[in-house]
């Protein structure tokens, strides 16, 4: 868990990325807890970093995508954009009914344009990506680093956390 590994910043000197590893954790919450513990014990945490190591991209497939879903998603996005434009243009309306009409037309045209663009976007892929997914970058471990001048003190404080 505690190592003497020294990590130096990449060429160009990435700020806050260098220092000695004072602790390693399998999840981000553990590293965050360690830095919080350092802070609670009066350690100058501006001399620490949390660095994710062994990064990988994880893509979670959420479902199948077809023309109908792409069109509906585009319509929903367009609806929000149309609402925004309608509300903005409605500021200049002279009567309350004009304001309502402008907002409704913004919603209608926004949804129609969004649906069209959603459908066209789906058709332009030629069926090469017929699924919906979400992706994120995750790390195998999270190292808490401290600048060399502060590393020993930080290591001693974090060592008490695990007791």
C-alpha atoms as a PDB file:
ATOM      1  CA  UNK A   1       0.000   0.000   0.000  1.00  0.00           C
ATOM      2  CA  UNK A   2       2.795   2.452   0.819  1.00  0.00           C
ATOM      3  CA  UNK A   3       5.615   2.840  -1.656  1.00  0.00           C
ATOM      4  CA  UNK A   4       8.753   4.819  -2.218  1.00  0.00           C
ATOM      5  CA  UNK A   5       8.126   5.130  -5.958  1.00  0.00           C
ATOM      6  CA  UNK A   6       9.069   8.492  -7.413  1.00  0.00           C
ATOM      7  CA  UNK A   7       6.956   9.892 -10.235  1.00  0.00           C
ATOM      8  CA  UNK A   8       8.203  12.819 -12.226  1.00  0.00           C
ATOM      9  CA  UNK A   9       6.049  15.111 -14.340  1.00  0.00           C
ATOM     10  CA  UNK A  10       5.920  14.654 -18.101  1.00  0.00           C
ATOM     11  CA  UNK A  11       8.035  16.834 -20.370  1.00  0.00           C
ATOM     12  CA  UNK A  12       6.803  20.376 -20.086  1.00  0.00           C
ATOM     13  CA  UNK A  13       6.232  19.921 -16.359  1.00  0.00           C
ATOM     14  CA  UNK A  14       2.628  18.979 -15.709  1.00  0.00           C
ATOM     15  CA  UNK A  15       1.728  20.999 -12.606  1.00  0.00           C
ATOM     16  CA  UNK A  16       0.983  18.943  -9.524  1.00  0.00           C
ATOM     17  CA  UNK A  17       1.734  15.640 -11.277  1.00  0.00           C
ATOM     18  CA  UNK A  18       5.132  14.884  -9.732  1.00  0.00           C
ATOM     19  CA  UNK A  19       6.196  13.660  -6.321  1.00  0.00           C
ATOM     20  CA  UNK A  20       6.586  10.517  -4.267  1.00  0.00           C
ATOM     21  CA  UNK A  21       3.809   7.979  -3.861  1.00  0.00           C
ATOM     22  CA  UNK A  22       2.702   8.041  -0.242  1.00  0.00           C
ATOM     23  CA  UNK A  23      -0.280   5.675  -0.630  1.00  0.00           C
ATOM     24  CA  UNK A  24      -2.133   3.694  -3.300  1.00  0.00           C
ATOM     25  CA  UNK A  25      -5.804   2.760  -3.413  1.00  0.00           C
ATOM     26  CA  UNK A  26      -7.977   0.616  -5.666  1.00  0.00           C
ATOM     27  CA  UNK A  27     -10.732   3.232  -5.779  1.00  0.00           C
ATOM     28  CA  UNK A  28     -10.833   7.010  -6.044  1.00  0.00           C
ATOM     29  CA  UNK A  29     -12.839   7.338  -2.826  1.00  0.00           C
ATOM     30  CA  UNK A  30      -9.935   5.842  -0.836  1.00  0.00           C
ATOM     31  CA  UNK A  31      -7.445   8.312  -2.307  1.00  0.00           C
ATOM     32  CA  UNK A  32      -9.857  11.161  -1.677  1.00  0.00           C
ATOM     33  CA  UNK A  33     -10.315  10.004   1.925  1.00  0.00           C
ATOM     34  CA  UNK A  34      -6.522   9.999   2.411  1.00  0.00           C
ATOM     35  CA  UNK A  35      -6.147  13.572   1.146  1.00  0.00           C
ATOM     36  CA  UNK A  36      -9.077  14.650   3.295  1.00  0.00           C
ATOM     37  CA  UNK A  37      -7.409  12.993   6.297  1.00  0.00           C
ATOM     38  CA  UNK A  38      -4.192  14.858   5.520  1.00  0.00           C
ATOM     39  CA  UNK A  39      -6.148  18.116   5.394  1.00  0.00           C
ATOM     40  CA  UNK A  40      -7.956  17.349   8.661  1.00  0.00           C
ATOM     41  CA  UNK A  41      -4.542  16.851  10.299  1.00  0.00           C
ATOM     42  CA  UNK A  42      -3.167  20.226   9.195  1.00  0.00           C
ATOM     43  CA  UNK A  43      -1.060  18.960   6.278  1.00  0.00           C
ATOM     44  CA  UNK A  44      -0.634  21.482   3.419  1.00  0.00           C
ATOM     45  CA  UNK A  45      -2.593  19.488   0.828  1.00  0.00           C
ATOM     46  CA  UNK A  46      -1.640  21.874  -1.981  1.00  0.00           C
ATOM     47  CA  UNK A  47       1.574  19.808  -2.138  1.00  0.00           C
ATOM     48  CA  UNK A  48      -0.305  16.586  -2.962  1.00  0.00           C
ATOM     49  CA  UNK A  49      -1.847  15.030  -6.063  1.00  0.00           C
ATOM     50  CA  UNK A  50      -4.107  12.098  -6.831  1.00  0.00           C
ATOM     51  CA  UNK A  51      -2.943  10.269  -9.936  1.00  0.00           C
ATOM     52  CA  UNK A  52      -4.902   7.512 -11.668  1.00  0.00           C
ATOM     53  CA  UNK A  53      -2.629   4.735 -12.953  1.00  0.00           C
ATOM     54  CA  UNK A  54      -3.190   1.992 -15.521  1.00  0.00           C
ATOM     55  CA  UNK A  55      -6.022   3.830 -17.226  1.00  0.00           C
ATOM     56  CA  UNK A  56      -8.528   2.124 -19.464  1.00  0.00           C
ATOM     57  CA  UNK A  57     -11.642   3.213 -21.285  1.00  0.00           C
ATOM     58  CA  UNK A  58     -14.798   1.328 -20.374  1.00  0.00           C
ATOM     59  CA  UNK A  59     -17.779   1.616 -22.698  1.00  0.00           C
ATOM     60  CA  UNK A  60     -21.104   0.342 -21.396  1.00  0.00           C
ATOM     61  CA  UNK A  61     -23.617  -0.561 -24.096  1.00  0.00           C
ATOM     62  CA  UNK A  62     -27.035   0.760 -23.084  1.00  0.00           C
ATOM     63  CA  UNK A  63     -29.164  -0.531 -25.929  1.00  0.00           C
ATOM     64  CA  UNK A  64     -29.866  -0.818 -29.616  1.00  0.00           C
ATOM     65  CA  UNK A  65     -30.137   2.315 -31.766  1.00  0.00           C
ATOM     66  CA  UNK A  66     -32.530   2.458 -34.675  1.00  0.00           C
ATOM     67  CA  UNK A  67     -33.915   5.255 -36.845  1.00  0.00           C
ATOM     68  CA  UNK A  68     -36.925   5.792 -34.559  1.00  0.00           C
ATOM     69  CA  UNK A  69     -34.804   6.166 -31.401  1.00  0.00           C
ATOM     70  CA  UNK A  70     -32.347   8.484 -33.178  1.00  0.00           C
ATOM     71  CA  UNK A  71     -35.223  10.619 -34.471  1.00  0.00           C
ATOM     72  CA  UNK A  72     -36.870  10.792 -31.034  1.00  0.00           C
ATOM     73  CA  UNK A  73     -33.600  11.673 -29.295  1.00  0.00           C
ATOM     74  CA  UNK A  74     -33.000  14.404 -31.875  1.00  0.00           C
ATOM     75  CA  UNK A  75     -36.535  15.714 -31.348  1.00  0.00           C
ATOM     76  CA  UNK A  76     -36.018  15.842 -27.575  1.00  0.00           C
ATOM     77  CA  UNK A  77     -32.757  17.772 -27.968  1.00  0.00           C
ATOM     78  CA  UNK A  78     -34.365  20.091 -30.494  1.00  0.00           C
ATOM     79  CA  UNK A  79     -37.297  20.653 -28.156  1.00  0.00           C
ATOM     80  CA  UNK A  80     -34.974  22.051 -25.490  1.00  0.00           C
ATOM     81  CA  UNK A  81     -33.152  24.230 -28.008  1.00  0.00           C
ATOM     82  CA  UNK A  82     -36.469  25.458 -29.428  1.00  0.00           C
ATOM     83  CA  UNK A  83     -37.674  26.314 -25.925  1.00  0.00           C
ATOM     84  CA  UNK A  84     -34.532  28.338 -25.290  1.00  0.00           C
ATOM     85  CA  UNK A  85     -34.882  30.233 -28.575  1.00  0.00           C
ATOM     86  CA  UNK A  86     -38.624  30.749 -28.021  1.00  0.00           C
ATOM     87  CA  UNK A  87     -38.079  32.151 -24.537  1.00  0.00           C
ATOM     88  CA  UNK A  88     -35.322  34.433 -25.798  1.00  0.00           C
ATOM     89  CA  UNK A  89     -37.399  35.757 -28.696  1.00  0.00           C
ATOM     90  CA  UNK A  90     -40.453  35.982 -26.424  1.00  0.00           C
ATOM     91  CA  UNK A  91     -38.695  38.735 -24.491  1.00  0.00           C
ATOM     92  CA  UNK A  92     -39.469  41.040 -27.401  1.00  0.00           C
ATOM     93  CA  UNK A  93     -43.183  40.165 -27.584  1.00  0.00           C
ATOM     94  CA  UNK A  94     -45.560  43.055 -26.964  1.00  0.00           C
ATOM     95  CA  UNK A  95     -48.537  40.980 -25.735  1.00  0.00           C
ATOM     96  CA  UNK A  96     -48.802  37.927 -23.492  1.00  0.00           C
ATOM     97  CA  UNK A  97     -50.505  35.856 -26.219  1.00  0.00           C
ATOM     98  CA  UNK A  98     -47.684  36.733 -28.617  1.00  0.00           C
ATOM     99  CA  UNK A  99     -45.176  35.467 -26.056  1.00  0.00           C
ATOM    100  CA  UNK A 100     -47.030  32.150 -25.688  1.00  0.00           C
ATOM    101  CA  UNK A 101     -47.278  31.794 -29.475  1.00  0.00           C
ATOM    102  CA  UNK A 102     -43.544  32.484 -29.947  1.00  0.00           C
ATOM    103  CA  UNK A 103     -42.574  29.937 -27.293  1.00  0.00           C
ATOM    104  CA  UNK A 104     -44.893  27.286 -28.763  1.00  0.00           C
ATOM    105  CA  UNK A 105     -43.515  27.886 -32.261  1.00  0.00           C
ATOM    106  CA  UNK A 106     -39.963  27.626 -30.893  1.00  0.00           C
ATOM    107  CA  UNK A 107     -40.855  24.276 -29.326  1.00  0.00           C
ATOM    108  CA  UNK A 108     -42.473  23.023 -32.530  1.00  0.00           C
ATOM    109  CA  UNK A 109     -39.710  24.101 -34.906  1.00  0.00           C
ATOM    110  CA  UNK A 110     -36.999  22.988 -32.499  1.00  0.00           C
ATOM    111  CA  UNK A 111     -38.485  19.509 -32.183  1.00  0.00           C
ATOM    112  CA  UNK A 112     -38.970  19.224 -35.959  1.00  0.00           C
ATOM    113  CA  UNK A 113     -35.413  20.359 -36.759  1.00  0.00           C
ATOM    114  CA  UNK A 114     -33.969  18.125 -34.027  1.00  0.00           C
ATOM    115  CA  UNK A 115     -35.898  15.109 -35.320  1.00  0.00           C
ATOM    116  CA  UNK A 116     -34.685  15.752 -38.855  1.00  0.00           C
ATOM    117  CA  UNK A 117     -31.057  16.119 -37.775  1.00  0.00           C
ATOM    118  CA  UNK A 118     -31.298  13.041 -35.529  1.00  0.00           C
ATOM    119  CA  UNK A 119     -32.659  10.959 -38.400  1.00  0.00           C
ATOM    120  CA  UNK A 120     -30.096  12.310 -40.897  1.00  0.00           C
ATOM    121  CA  UNK A 121     -27.265  11.686 -38.422  1.00  0.00           C
ATOM    122  CA  UNK A 122     -28.355   8.101 -37.916  1.00  0.00           C
ATOM    123  CA  UNK A 123     -28.720   7.466 -41.655  1.00  0.00           C
ATOM    124  CA  UNK A 124     -25.288   8.982 -42.350  1.00  0.00           C
ATOM    125  CA  UNK A 125     -23.544   6.278 -40.285  1.00  0.00           C
ATOM    126  CA  UNK A 126     -24.741   3.575 -42.677  1.00  0.00           C
ATOM    127  CA  UNK A 127     -25.527   1.164 -39.826  1.00  0.00           C
ATOM    128  CA  UNK A 128     -21.928   1.071 -38.580  1.00  0.00           C
ATOM    129  CA  UNK A 129     -22.846   1.988 -35.004  1.00  0.00           C
ATOM    130  CA  UNK A 130     -26.331   0.762 -34.179  1.00  0.00           C
ATOM    131  CA  UNK A 131     -26.104   1.015 -30.414  1.00  0.00           C
ATOM    132  CA  UNK A 132     -26.216   3.594 -27.632  1.00  0.00           C
ATOM    133  CA  UNK A 133     -23.430   3.596 -25.075  1.00  0.00           C
ATOM    134  CA  UNK A 134     -21.750   5.609 -22.370  1.00  0.00           C
ATOM    135  CA  UNK A 135     -18.032   5.572 -21.797  1.00  0.00           C
ATOM    136  CA  UNK A 136     -15.681   6.586 -19.032  1.00  0.00           C
ATOM    137  CA  UNK A 137     -12.004   6.411 -18.205  1.00  0.00           C
ATOM    138  CA  UNK A 138     -11.222   4.337 -15.106  1.00  0.00           C
ATOM    139  CA  UNK A 139      -7.960   3.612 -13.324  1.00  0.00           C
ATOM    140  CA  UNK A 140      -6.757   0.331 -11.856  1.00  0.00           C
ATOM    141  CA  UNK A 141      -5.312   2.238  -8.906  1.00  0.00           C
ATOM    142  CA  UNK A 142      -5.115   5.752  -7.529  1.00  0.00           C
ATOM    143  CA  UNK A 143      -1.815   6.975  -6.108  1.00  0.00           C
ATOM    144  CA  UNK A 144      -1.623   9.813  -3.624  1.00  0.00           C
ATOM    145  CA  UNK A 145       1.588  11.740  -4.274  1.00  0.00           C
ATOM    146  CA  UNK A 146       3.327  14.384  -2.227  1.00  0.00           C
ATOM    147  CA  UNK A 147       6.197  16.655  -3.183  1.00  0.00           C
ATOM    148  CA  UNK A 148       9.522  15.185  -2.027  1.00  0.00           C
ATOM    149  CA  UNK A 149       9.991  17.729   0.775  1.00  0.00           C
ATOM    150  CA  UNK A 150       6.611  16.778   2.277  1.00  0.00           C
ATOM    151  CA  UNK A 151       6.450  13.061   1.434  1.00  0.00           C
ATOM    152  CA  UNK A 152       7.740  11.593   4.700  1.00  0.00           C
ATOM    153  CA  UNK A 153       5.419  13.734   6.831  1.00  0.00           C
ATOM    154  CA  UNK A 154       2.444  12.859   4.597  1.00  0.00           C
ATOM    155  CA  UNK A 155       3.327   9.158   4.703  1.00  0.00           C
ATOM    156  CA  UNK A 156       3.380   9.249   8.526  1.00  0.00           C
ATOM    157  CA  UNK A 157      -0.028  10.964   8.721  1.00  0.00           C
ATOM    158  CA  UNK A 158      -1.685   8.654   6.153  1.00  0.00           C
ATOM    159  CA  UNK A 159      -0.173   5.667   7.964  1.00  0.00           C
ATOM    160  CA  UNK A 160      -2.323   6.556  10.976  1.00  0.00           C
ATOM    161  CA  UNK A 161      -5.445   6.516   8.792  1.00  0.00           C
ATOM    162  CA  UNK A 162      -5.102   2.809   8.071  1.00  0.00           C
ATOM    163  CA  UNK A 163      -4.717   1.911  11.777  1.00  0.00           C
END
